[in-house]
Amino acid sequence: MMKNINKLGILSFIVILMILNGCNRLSLPSDKIMKEATKSFNLPKLPEKGKALVYIIRPEFLGGLINFNVYLDNKLPSSQMGYTKGKEYIYFNVTPGKHIIKSLA
């Protein structure tokens, strides 16, 4: 009886780990699917000359009342580019080069 309880506990632990691990993975569609889905999409704004325009999209309504603050390169208040709520987006220009975009709720 005790062995069955231990096996059940271990099995439950493994299932919980699998669920938590799945929550950490972002499943994105392939490039081909994204290009097909956006081929007729017109941007509401074009980038400034010599810059790139970055869109941050929050397509789900789930947790829509919670602001996700968006930062460029660090989490200093001066680096905040804006925030999104559910079903919203923001955009901003960036200089060419490597950048880190962070979102914090």
PDB file of N, CA and C in Angstrom:
ATOM      1  N   MET A   1       0.830  -1.200   0.000  1.00  0.00           N
ATOM      2  CA  MET A   1       0.000   0.000   0.000  1.00  0.00           C
ATOM      3  C   MET A   1       0.869   1.257   0.000  1.00  0.00           C
ATOM      4  N   MET A   2       1.907   1.260   0.841  1.00  0.00           N
ATOM      5  CA  MET A   2       2.792   2.413   0.937  1.00  0.00           C
ATOM      6  C   MET A   2       3.526   2.646  -0.374  1.00  0.00           C
ATOM      7  N   LYS A   3       3.901   1.571  -1.077  1.00  0.00           N
ATOM      8  CA  LYS A   3       4.594   1.706  -2.352  1.00  0.00           C
ATOM      9  C   LYS A   3       3.683   2.361  -3.383  1.00  0.00           C
ATOM     10  N   ASN A   4       2.397   2.030  -3.371  1.00  0.00           N
ATOM     11  CA  ASN A   4       1.445   2.642  -4.301  1.00  0.00           C
ATOM     12  C   ASN A   4       1.290   4.139  -4.039  1.00  0.00           C
ATOM     13  N   ILE A   5       1.281   4.517  -2.753  1.00  0.00           N
ATOM     14  CA  ILE A   5       1.165   5.939  -2.405  1.00  0.00           C
ATOM     15  C   ILE A   5       2.399   6.689  -2.884  1.00  0.00           C
ATOM     16  N   ASN A   6       3.598   6.116  -2.684  1.00  0.00           N
ATOM     17  CA  ASN A   6       4.827   6.759  -3.141  1.00  0.00           C
ATOM     18  C   ASN A   6       4.844   6.890  -4.663  1.00  0.00           C
ATOM     19  N   LYS A   7       4.403   5.848  -5.367  1.00  0.00           N
ATOM     20  CA  LYS A   7       4.361   5.909  -6.825  1.00  0.00           C
ATOM     21  C   LYS A   7       3.382   6.989  -7.281  1.00  0.00           C
ATOM     22  N   LEU A   8       2.244   7.085  -6.625  1.00  0.00           N
ATOM     23  CA  LEU A   8       1.256   8.093  -6.967  1.00  0.00           C
ATOM     24  C   LEU A   8       1.811   9.495  -6.719  1.00  0.00           C
ATOM     25  N   GLY A   9       2.525   9.679  -5.628  1.00  0.00           N
ATOM     26  CA  GLY A   9       3.127  10.972  -5.319  1.00  0.00           C
ATOM     27  C   GLY A   9       4.171  11.364  -6.345  1.00  0.00           C
ATOM     28  N   ILE A  10       5.011  10.408  -6.723  1.00  0.00           N
ATOM     29  CA  ILE A  10       6.042  10.682  -7.737  1.00  0.00           C
ATOM     30  C   ILE A  10       5.398  10.998  -9.072  1.00  0.00           C
ATOM     31  N   LEU A  11       4.379  10.226  -9.451  1.00  0.00           N
ATOM     32  CA  LEU A  11       3.685  10.463 -10.704  1.00  0.00           C
ATOM     33  C   LEU A  11       3.029  11.848 -10.706  1.00  0.00           C
ATOM     34  N   SER A  12       2.398  12.228  -9.596  1.00  0.00           N
ATOM     35  CA  SER A  12       1.775  13.550  -9.491  1.00  0.00           C
ATOM     36  C   SER A  12       2.815  14.653  -9.628  1.00  0.00           C
ATOM     37  N   PHE A  13       3.962  14.457  -8.997  1.00  0.00           N
ATOM     38  CA  PHE A  13       5.038  15.438  -9.068  1.00  0.00           C
ATOM     39  C   PHE A  13       5.527  15.604 -10.510  1.00  0.00           C
ATOM     40  N   ILE A  14       5.688  14.502 -11.218  1.00  0.00           N
ATOM     41  CA  ILE A  14       6.143  14.549 -12.608  1.00  0.00           C
ATOM     42  C   ILE A  14       5.119  15.267 -13.481  1.00  0.00           C
ATOM     43  N   VAL A  15       3.841  14.989 -13.281  1.00  0.00           N
ATOM     44  CA  VAL A  15       2.789  15.642 -14.073  1.00  0.00           C
ATOM     45  C   VAL A  15       2.791  17.150 -13.806  1.00  0.00           C
ATOM     46  N   ILE A  16       2.951  17.549 -12.557  1.00  0.00           N
ATOM     47  CA  ILE A  16       2.986  18.971 -12.214  1.00  0.00           C
ATOM     48  C   ILE A  16       4.181  19.644 -12.874  1.00  0.00           C
ATOM     49  N   LEU A  17       5.342  18.989 -12.857  1.00  0.00           N
ATOM     50  CA  LEU A  17       6.518  19.548 -13.516  1.00  0.00           C
ATOM     51  C   LEU A  17       6.300  19.696 -15.019  1.00  0.00           C
ATOM     52  N   MET A  18       5.650  18.709 -15.626  1.00  0.00           N
ATOM     53  CA  MET A  18       5.382  18.774 -17.059  1.00  0.00           C
ATOM     54  C   MET A  18       4.458  19.948 -17.379  1.00  0.00           C
ATOM     55  N   ILE A  19       3.448  20.148 -16.555  1.00  0.00           N
ATOM     56  CA  ILE A  19       2.510  21.259 -16.764  1.00  0.00           C
ATOM     57  C   ILE A  19       3.232  22.593 -16.617  1.00  0.00           C
ATOM     58  N   LEU A  20       4.038  22.737 -15.563  1.00  0.00           N
ATOM     59  CA  LEU A  20       4.766  23.985 -15.346  1.00  0.00           C
ATOM     60  C   LEU A  20       5.774  24.240 -16.457  1.00  0.00           C
ATOM     61  N   ASN A  21       6.418  23.196 -16.922  1.00  0.00           N
ATOM     62  CA  ASN A  21       7.369  23.347 -18.020  1.00  0.00           C
ATOM     63  C   ASN A  21       6.653  23.799 -19.287  1.00  0.00           C
ATOM     64  N   GLY A  22       5.474  23.283 -19.532  1.00  0.00           N
ATOM     65  CA  GLY A  22       4.696  23.688 -20.703  1.00  0.00           C
ATOM     66  C   GLY A  22       4.260  25.138 -20.627  1.00  0.00           C
ATOM     67  N   CYS A  23       4.041  25.660 -19.424  1.00  0.00           N
ATOM     68  CA  CYS A  23       3.634  27.058 -19.268  1.00  0.00           C
ATOM     69  C   CYS A  23       4.767  28.014 -19.599  1.00  0.00           C
ATOM     70  N   ASN A  24       6.005  27.548 -19.495  1.00  0.00           N
ATOM     71  CA  ASN A  24       7.154  28.407 -19.755  1.00  0.00           C
ATOM     72  C   ASN A  24       7.506  28.508 -21.232  1.00  0.00           C
ATOM     73  N   ARG A  25       6.909  27.718 -22.072  1.00  0.00           N
ATOM     74  CA  ARG A  25       7.258  27.700 -23.483  1.00  0.00           C
ATOM     75  C   ARG A  25       6.258  28.516 -24.281  1.00  0.00           C
ATOM     76  N   LEU A  26       6.805  29.347 -25.125  1.00  0.00           N
ATOM     77  CA  LEU A  26       5.976  30.151 -26.010  1.00  0.00           C
ATOM     78  C   LEU A  26       5.950  29.464 -27.353  1.00  0.00           C
ATOM     79  N   SER A  27       4.810  29.076 -27.786  1.00  0.00           N
ATOM     80  CA  SER A  27       4.682  28.374 -29.053  1.00  0.00           C
ATOM     81  C   SER A  27       4.288  29.368 -30.130  1.00  0.00           C
ATOM     82  N   LEU A  28       5.229  29.660 -31.024  1.00  0.00           N
ATOM     83  CA  LEU A  28       4.984  30.610 -32.090  1.00  0.00           C
ATOM     84  C   LEU A  28       4.741  29.874 -33.398  1.00  0.00           C
ATOM     85  N   PRO A  29       3.913  30.436 -34.252  1.00  0.00           N
ATOM     86  CA  PRO A  29       3.722  29.824 -35.568  1.00  0.00           C
ATOM     87  C   PRO A  29       4.991  29.975 -36.405  1.00  0.00           C
ATOM     88  N   SER A  30       5.110  29.176 -37.436  1.00  0.00           N
ATOM     89  CA  SER A  30       6.288  29.237 -38.303  1.00  0.00           C
ATOM     90  C   SER A  30       6.316  30.556 -39.068  1.00  0.00           C
ATOM     91  N   ASP A  31       7.492  30.892 -39.609  1.00  0.00           N
ATOM     92  CA  ASP A  31       7.635  32.114 -40.419  1.00  0.00           C
ATOM     93  C   ASP A  31       6.666  32.089 -41.591  1.00  0.00           C
ATOM     94  N   LYS A  32       6.534  30.933 -42.211  1.00  0.00           N
ATOM     95  CA  LYS A  32       5.645  30.805 -43.379  1.00  0.00           C
ATOM     96  C   LYS A  32       4.200  31.137 -43.003  1.00  0.00           C
ATOM     97  N   ILE A  33       3.745  30.627 -41.884  1.00  0.00           N
ATOM     98  CA  ILE A  33       2.373  30.881 -41.420  1.00  0.00           C
ATOM     99  C   ILE A  33       2.189  32.355 -41.080  1.00  0.00           C
ATOM    100  N   MET A  34       3.181  32.956 -40.406  1.00  0.00           N
ATOM    101  CA  MET A  34       3.072  34.370 -40.046  1.00  0.00           C
ATOM    102  C   MET A  34       3.080  35.259 -41.291  1.00  0.00           C
ATOM    103  N   LYS A  35       3.931  34.950 -42.268  1.00  0.00           N
ATOM    104  CA  LYS A  35       3.969  35.747 -43.497  1.00  0.00           C
ATOM    105  C   LYS A  35       2.648  35.654 -44.250  1.00  0.00           C
ATOM    106  N   GLU A  36       2.081  34.470 -44.303  1.00  0.00           N
ATOM    107  CA  GLU A  36       0.801  34.280 -44.996  1.00  0.00           C
ATOM    108  C   GLU A  36      -0.312  35.054 -44.279  1.00  0.00           C
ATOM    109  N   ALA A  37      -0.305  35.005 -42.941  1.00  0.00           N
ATOM    110  CA  ALA A  37      -1.358  35.667 -42.167  1.00  0.00           C
ATOM    111  C   ALA A  37      -1.273  37.180 -42.245  1.00  0.00           C
ATOM    112  N   THR A  38      -0.088  37.722 -42.524  1.00  0.00           N
ATOM    113  CA  THR A  38       0.085  39.173 -42.503  1.00  0.00           C
ATOM    114  C   THR A  38       0.356  39.778 -43.879  1.00  0.00           C
ATOM    115  N   LYS A  39       0.247  38.986 -44.943  1.00  0.00           N
ATOM    116  CA  LYS A  39       0.628  39.504 -46.258  1.00  0.00           C
ATOM    117  C   LYS A  39      -0.259  40.659 -46.731  1.00  0.00           C
ATOM    118  N   SER A  40      -1.497  40.728 -46.296  1.00  0.00           N
ATOM    119  CA  SER A  40      -2.363  41.834 -46.715  1.00  0.00           C
ATOM    120  C   SER A  40      -2.476  42.918 -45.630  1.00  0.00           C
ATOM    121  N   PHE A  41      -1.671  42.811 -44.591  1.00  0.00           N
ATOM    122  CA  PHE A  41      -1.726  43.748 -43.469  1.00  0.00           C
ATOM    123  C   PHE A  41      -0.948  45.014 -43.800  1.00  0.00           C
ATOM    124  N   ASN A  42      -1.539  46.162 -43.577  1.00  0.00           N
ATOM    125  CA  ASN A  42      -0.868  47.451 -43.759  1.00  0.00           C
ATOM    126  C   ASN A  42      -0.568  48.051 -42.402  1.00  0.00           C
ATOM    127  N   LEU A  43       0.684  48.428 -42.204  1.00  0.00           N
ATOM    128  CA  LEU A  43       1.068  49.034 -40.939  1.00  0.00           C
ATOM    129  C   LEU A  43       0.438  50.412 -40.800  1.00  0.00           C
ATOM    130  N   PRO A  44      -0.049  50.746 -39.608  1.00  0.00           N
ATOM    131  CA  PRO A  44      -0.642  52.073 -39.421  1.00  0.00           C
ATOM    132  C   PRO A  44       0.396  53.189 -39.458  1.00  0.00           C
ATOM    133  N   LYS A  45       1.644  52.821 -39.270  1.00  0.00           N
ATOM    134  CA  LYS A  45       2.709  53.821 -39.279  1.00  0.00           C
ATOM    135  C   LYS A  45       3.971  53.167 -39.818  1.00  0.00           C
ATOM    136  N   LEU A  46       4.759  53.925 -40.589  1.00  0.00           N
ATOM    137  CA  LEU A  46       6.037  53.440 -41.101  1.00  0.00           C
ATOM    138  C   LEU A  46       7.164  53.917 -40.202  1.00  0.00           C
ATOM    139  N   PRO A  47       8.305  53.234 -40.215  1.00  0.00           N
ATOM    140  CA  PRO A  47       9.417  53.661 -39.356  1.00  0.00           C
ATOM    141  C   PRO A  47       9.998  54.997 -39.803  1.00  0.00           C
ATOM    142  N   GLU A  48      10.592  55.679 -38.847  1.00  0.00           N
ATOM    143  CA  GLU A  48      11.323  56.905 -39.161  1.00  0.00           C
ATOM    144  C   GLU A  48      12.541  56.529 -39.994  1.00  0.00           C
ATOM    145  N   LYS A  49      13.044  57.457 -40.760  1.00  0.00           N
ATOM    146  CA  LYS A  49      14.193  57.207 -41.631  1.00  0.00           C
ATOM    147  C   LYS A  49      15.401  56.745 -40.809  1.00  0.00           C
ATOM    148  N   GLY A  50      15.991  55.629 -41.223  1.00  0.00           N
ATOM    149  CA  GLY A  50      17.171  55.096 -40.547  1.00  0.00           C
ATOM    150  C   GLY A  50      16.883  54.344 -39.274  1.00  0.00           C
ATOM    151  N   LYS A  51      15.618  54.065 -38.997  1.00  0.00           N
ATOM    152  CA  LYS A  51      15.246  53.356 -37.770  1.00  0.00           C
ATOM    153  C   LYS A  51      14.344  52.167 -38.109  1.00  0.00           C
ATOM    154  N   ALA A  52      14.149  51.324 -37.134  1.00  0.00           N
ATOM    155  CA  ALA A  52      13.227  50.203 -37.271  1.00  0.00           C
ATOM    156  C   ALA A  52      12.013  50.478 -36.395  1.00  0.00           C
ATOM    157  N   LEU A  53      10.875  50.005 -36.831  1.00  0.00           N
ATOM    158  CA  LEU A  53       9.643  50.168 -36.067  1.00  0.00           C
ATOM    159  C   LEU A  53       9.303  48.826 -35.431  1.00  0.00           C
ATOM    160  N   VAL A  54       9.170  48.823 -34.123  1.00  0.00           N
ATOM    161  CA  VAL A  54       8.888  47.602 -33.374  1.00  0.00           C
ATOM    162  C   VAL A  54       7.453  47.661 -32.877  1.00  0.00           C
ATOM    163  N   TYR A  55       6.705  46.606 -33.165  1.00  0.00           N
ATOM    164  CA  TYR A  55       5.343  46.477 -32.653  1.00  0.00           C
ATOM    165  C   TYR A  55       5.342  45.429 -31.549  1.00  0.00           C
ATOM    166  N   ILE A  56       4.706  45.741 -30.445  1.00  0.00           N
ATOM    167  CA  ILE A  56       4.494  44.785 -29.363  1.00  0.00           C
ATOM    168  C   ILE A  56       2.992  44.547 -29.316  1.00  0.00           C
ATOM    169  N   ILE A  57       2.596  43.317 -29.569  1.00  0.00           N
ATOM    170  CA  ILE A  57       1.175  42.976 -29.692  1.00  0.00           C
ATOM    171  C   ILE A  57       0.795  42.018 -28.577  1.00  0.00           C
ATOM    172  N   ARG A  58      -0.315  42.304 -27.956  1.00  0.00           N
ATOM    173  CA  ARG A  58      -0.866  41.413 -26.941  1.00  0.00           C
ATOM    174  C   ARG A  58      -2.217  40.931 -27.461  1.00  0.00           C
ATOM    175  N   PRO A  59      -2.230  39.809 -28.193  1.00  0.00           N
ATOM    176  CA  PRO A  59      -3.434  39.398 -28.911  1.00  0.00           C
ATOM    177  C   PRO A  59      -4.544  38.806 -28.048  1.00  0.00           C
ATOM    178  N   GLU A  60      -4.221  38.359 -26.862  1.00  0.00           N
ATOM    179  CA  GLU A  60      -5.233  37.716 -26.012  1.00  0.00           C
ATOM    180  C   GLU A  60      -5.886  38.723 -25.082  1.00  0.00           C
ATOM    181  N   PHE A  61      -7.144  38.488 -24.770  1.00  0.00           N
ATOM    182  CA  PHE A  61      -7.847  39.341 -23.822  1.00  0.00           C
ATOM    183  C   PHE A  61      -7.607  38.891 -22.384  1.00  0.00           C
ATOM    184  N   LEU A  62      -7.187  37.632 -22.202  1.00  0.00           N
ATOM    185  CA  LEU A  62      -6.961  37.064 -20.870  1.00  0.00           C
ATOM    186  C   LEU A  62      -6.044  37.979 -20.055  1.00  0.00           C
ATOM    187  N   GLY A  63      -6.464  38.362 -18.889  1.00  0.00           N
ATOM    188  CA  GLY A  63      -5.690  39.279 -18.051  1.00  0.00           C
ATOM    189  C   GLY A  63      -5.677  40.691 -18.606  1.00  0.00           C
ATOM    190  N   GLY A  64      -6.724  41.041 -19.337  1.00  0.00           N
ATOM    191  CA  GLY A  64      -6.778  42.313 -20.038  1.00  0.00           C
ATOM    192  C   GLY A  64      -6.722  43.548 -19.164  1.00  0.00           C
ATOM    193  N   LEU A  65      -7.022  43.422 -17.903  1.00  0.00           N
ATOM    194  CA  LEU A  65      -6.992  44.591 -17.019  1.00  0.00           C
ATOM    195  C   LEU A  65      -5.601  44.845 -16.443  1.00  0.00           C
ATOM    196  N   ILE A  66      -4.668  43.930 -16.703  1.00  0.00           N
ATOM    197  CA  ILE A  66      -3.319  44.043 -16.160  1.00  0.00           C
ATOM    198  C   ILE A  66      -2.412  44.692 -17.192  1.00  0.00           C
ATOM    199  N   ASN A  67      -1.725  45.753 -16.779  1.00  0.00           N
ATOM    200  CA  ASN A  67      -0.753  46.409 -17.661  1.00  0.00           C
ATOM    201  C   ASN A  67       0.513  45.572 -17.745  1.00  0.00           C
ATOM    202  N   PHE A  68       1.022  45.395 -18.947  1.00  0.00           N
ATOM    203  CA  PHE A  68       2.340  44.814 -19.166  1.00  0.00           C
ATOM    204  C   PHE A  68       3.231  45.961 -19.640  1.00  0.00           C
ATOM    205  N   ASN A  69       4.082  46.458 -18.753  1.00  0.00           N
ATOM    206  CA  ASN A  69       4.994  47.536 -19.106  1.00  0.00           C
ATOM    207  C   ASN A  69       6.069  46.996 -20.030  1.00  0.00           C
ATOM    208  N   VAL A  70       6.390  47.739 -21.072  1.00  0.00           N
ATOM    209  CA  VAL A  70       7.370  47.318 -22.066  1.00  0.00           C
ATOM    210  C   VAL A  70       8.592  48.215 -21.971  1.00  0.00           C
ATOM    211  N   TYR A  71       9.771  47.594 -21.853  1.00  0.00           N
ATOM    212  CA  TYR A  71      11.028  48.313 -21.703  1.00  0.00           C
ATOM    213  C   TYR A  71      11.978  47.965 -22.847  1.00  0.00           C
ATOM    214  N   LEU A  72      12.795  48.930 -23.221  1.00  0.00           N
ATOM    215  CA  LEU A  72      13.811  48.722 -24.239  1.00  0.00           C
ATOM    216  C   LEU A  72      15.185  48.766 -23.579  1.00  0.00           C
ATOM    217  N   ASP A  73      15.885  47.654 -23.610  1.00  0.00           N
ATOM    218  CA  ASP A  73      17.273  47.482 -23.161  1.00  0.00           C
ATOM    219  C   ASP A  73      17.487  47.415 -21.649  1.00  0.00           C
ATOM    220  N   ASN A  74      16.605  47.924 -20.822  1.00  0.00           N
ATOM    221  CA  ASN A  74      16.723  47.762 -19.366  1.00  0.00           C
ATOM    222  C   ASN A  74      15.379  48.104 -18.734  1.00  0.00           C
ATOM    223  N   LYS A  75      15.322  48.065 -17.429  1.00  0.00           N
ATOM    224  CA  LYS A  75      14.041  48.329 -16.767  1.00  0.00           C
ATOM    225  C   LYS A  75      14.024  49.676 -16.051  1.00  0.00           C
ATOM    226  N   LEU A  76      14.791  50.619 -16.544  1.00  0.00           N
ATOM    227  CA  LEU A  76      14.758  51.966 -15.964  1.00  0.00           C
ATOM    228  C   LEU A  76      13.488  52.673 -16.419  1.00  0.00           C
ATOM    229  N   PRO A  77      12.944  53.544 -15.593  1.00  0.00           N
ATOM    230  CA  PRO A  77      11.735  54.272 -15.998  1.00  0.00           C
ATOM    231  C   PRO A  77      11.893  55.008 -17.329  1.00  0.00           C
ATOM    232  N   SER A  78      13.094  55.521 -17.605  1.00  0.00           N
ATOM    233  CA  SER A  78      13.314  56.239 -18.862  1.00  0.00           C
ATOM    234  C   SER A  78      13.324  55.300 -20.070  1.00  0.00           C
ATOM    235  N   SER A  79      13.436  54.006 -19.841  1.00  0.00           N
ATOM    236  CA  SER A  79      13.459  53.020 -20.926  1.00  0.00           C
ATOM    237  C   SER A  79      12.080  52.433 -21.213  1.00  0.00           C
ATOM    238  N   GLN A  80      11.086  52.850 -20.447  1.00  0.00           N
ATOM    239  CA  GLN A  80       9.742  52.318 -20.683  1.00  0.00           C
ATOM    240  C   GLN A  80       9.185  52.903 -21.974  1.00  0.00           C
ATOM    241  N   MET A  81       8.751  52.014 -22.870  1.00  0.00           N
ATOM    242  CA  MET A  81       8.238  52.427 -24.162  1.00  0.00           C
ATOM    243  C   MET A  81       6.716  52.554 -24.152  1.00  0.00           C
ATOM    244  N   GLY A  82       6.089  52.040 -23.118  1.00  0.00           N
ATOM    245  CA  GLY A  82       4.637  52.073 -22.999  1.00  0.00           C
ATOM    246  C   GLY A  82       4.165  50.813 -22.302  1.00  0.00           C
ATOM    247  N   TYR A  83       2.907  50.503 -22.453  1.00  0.00           N
ATOM    248  CA  TYR A  83       2.359  49.279 -21.865  1.00  0.00           C
ATOM    249  C   TYR A  83       1.215  48.777 -22.737  1.00  0.00           C
ATOM    250  N   THR A  84       0.920  47.504 -22.558  1.00  0.00           N
ATOM    251  CA  THR A  84      -0.221  46.918 -23.260  1.00  0.00           C
ATOM    252  C   THR A  84      -1.172  46.314 -22.247  1.00  0.00           C
ATOM    253  N   LYS A  85      -2.426  46.280 -22.638  1.00  0.00           N
ATOM    254  CA  LYS A  85      -3.460  45.516 -21.946  1.00  0.00           C
ATOM    255  C   LYS A  85      -3.956  44.494 -22.956  1.00  0.00           C
ATOM    256  N   GLY A  86      -4.900  43.684 -22.578  1.00  0.00           N
ATOM    257  CA  GLY A  86      -5.409  42.670 -23.492  1.00  0.00           C
ATOM    258  C   GLY A  86      -5.952  43.263 -24.779  1.00  0.00           C
ATOM    259  N   LYS A  87      -5.635  42.620 -25.900  1.00  0.00           N
ATOM    260  CA  LYS A  87      -6.094  43.026 -27.238  1.00  0.00           C
ATOM    261  C   LYS A  87      -5.588  44.407 -27.640  1.00  0.00           C
ATOM    262  N   GLU A  88      -4.410  44.792 -27.149  1.00  0.00           N
ATOM    263  CA  GLU A  88      -3.826  46.082 -27.494  1.00  0.00           C
ATOM    264  C   GLU A  88      -2.433  45.888 -28.073  1.00  0.00           C
ATOM    265  N   TYR A  89      -1.901  46.953 -28.676  1.00  0.00           N
ATOM    266  CA  TYR A  89      -0.528  46.936 -29.146  1.00  0.00           C
ATOM    267  C   TYR A  89       0.077  48.324 -28.966  1.00  0.00           C
ATOM    268  N   ILE A  90       1.391  48.348 -28.961  1.00  0.00           N
ATOM    269  CA  ILE A  90       2.125  49.606 -28.988  1.00  0.00           C
ATOM    270  C   ILE A  90       3.199  49.475 -30.053  1.00  0.00           C
ATOM    271  N   TYR A  91       3.740  50.602 -30.483  1.00  0.00           N
ATOM    272  CA  TYR A  91       4.868  50.569 -31.413  1.00  0.00           C
ATOM    273  C   TYR A  91       5.802  51.721 -31.090  1.00  0.00           C
ATOM    274  N   PHE A  92       7.069  51.534 -31.456  1.00  0.00           N
ATOM    275  CA  PHE A  92       8.068  52.562 -31.223  1.00  0.00           C
ATOM    276  C   PHE A  92       9.240  52.337 -32.171  1.00  0.00           C
ATOM    277  N   ASN A  93       9.972  53.413 -32.443  1.00  0.00           N
ATOM    278  CA  ASN A  93      11.150  53.355 -33.303  1.00  0.00           C
ATOM    279  C   ASN A  93      12.377  53.009 -32.471  1.00  0.00           C
ATOM    280  N   VAL A  94      13.288  52.257 -33.078  1.00  0.00           N
ATOM    281  CA  VAL A  94      14.563  51.938 -32.429  1.00  0.00           C
ATOM    282  C   VAL A  94      15.689  52.173 -33.425  1.00  0.00           C
ATOM    283  N   THR A  95      16.858  52.471 -32.891  1.00  0.00           N
ATOM    284  CA  THR A  95      18.033  52.621 -33.739  1.00  0.00           C
ATOM    285  C   THR A  95      18.501  51.239 -34.178  1.00  0.00           C
ATOM    286  N   PRO A  96      19.179  51.149 -35.312  1.00  0.00           N
ATOM    287  CA  PRO A  96      19.686  49.847 -35.754  1.00  0.00           C
ATOM    288  C   PRO A  96      20.625  49.242 -34.721  1.00  0.00           C
ATOM    289  N   GLY A  97      20.606  47.933 -34.626  1.00  0.00           N
ATOM    290  CA  GLY A  97      21.484  47.226 -33.697  1.00  0.00           C
ATOM    291  C   GLY A  97      20.708  46.234 -32.863  1.00  0.00           C
ATOM    292  N   LYS A  98      21.398  45.629 -31.955  1.00  0.00           N
ATOM    293  CA  LYS A  98      20.813  44.610 -31.083  1.00  0.00           C
ATOM    294  C   LYS A  98      20.159  45.283 -29.877  1.00  0.00           C
ATOM    295  N   HIS A  99      18.943  44.881 -29.585  1.00  0.00           N
ATOM    296  CA  HIS A  99      18.201  45.426 -28.448  1.00  0.00           C
ATOM    297  C   HIS A  99      17.554  44.297 -27.660  1.00  0.00           C
ATOM    298  N   ILE A 100      17.241  44.570 -26.424  1.00  0.00           N
ATOM    299  CA  ILE A 100      16.500  43.633 -25.573  1.00  0.00           C
ATOM    300  C   ILE A 100      15.195  44.298 -25.209  1.00  0.00           C
ATOM    301  N   ILE A 101      14.100  43.588 -25.475  1.00  0.00           N
ATOM    302  CA  ILE A 101      12.774  44.101 -25.138  1.00  0.00           C
ATOM    303  C   ILE A 101      12.250  43.248 -23.998  1.00  0.00           C
ATOM    304  N   LYS A 102      11.838  43.902 -22.914  1.00  0.00           N
ATOM    305  CA  LYS A 102      11.312  43.204 -21.746  1.00  0.00           C
ATOM    306  C   LYS A 102       9.905  43.697 -21.464  1.00  0.00           C
ATOM    307  N   SER A 103       9.099  42.779 -20.966  1.00  0.00           N
ATOM    308  CA  SER A 103       7.741  43.127 -20.570  1.00  0.00           C
ATOM    309  C   SER A 103       7.557  42.666 -19.131  1.00  0.00           C
ATOM    310  N   LEU A 104       6.994  43.526 -18.327  1.00  0.00           N
ATOM    311  CA  LEU A 104       6.858  43.250 -16.908  1.00  0.00           C
ATOM    312  C   LEU A 104       5.440  43.584 -16.461  1.00  0.00           C
ATOM    313  N   ALA A 105       4.795  42.610 -15.832  1.00  0.00           N
ATOM    314  CA  ALA A 105       3.434  42.821 -15.342  1.00  0.00           C
ATOM    315  C   ALA A 105       3.455  42.947 -13.839  1.00  0.00           C
TER     316      ALA A 105
END
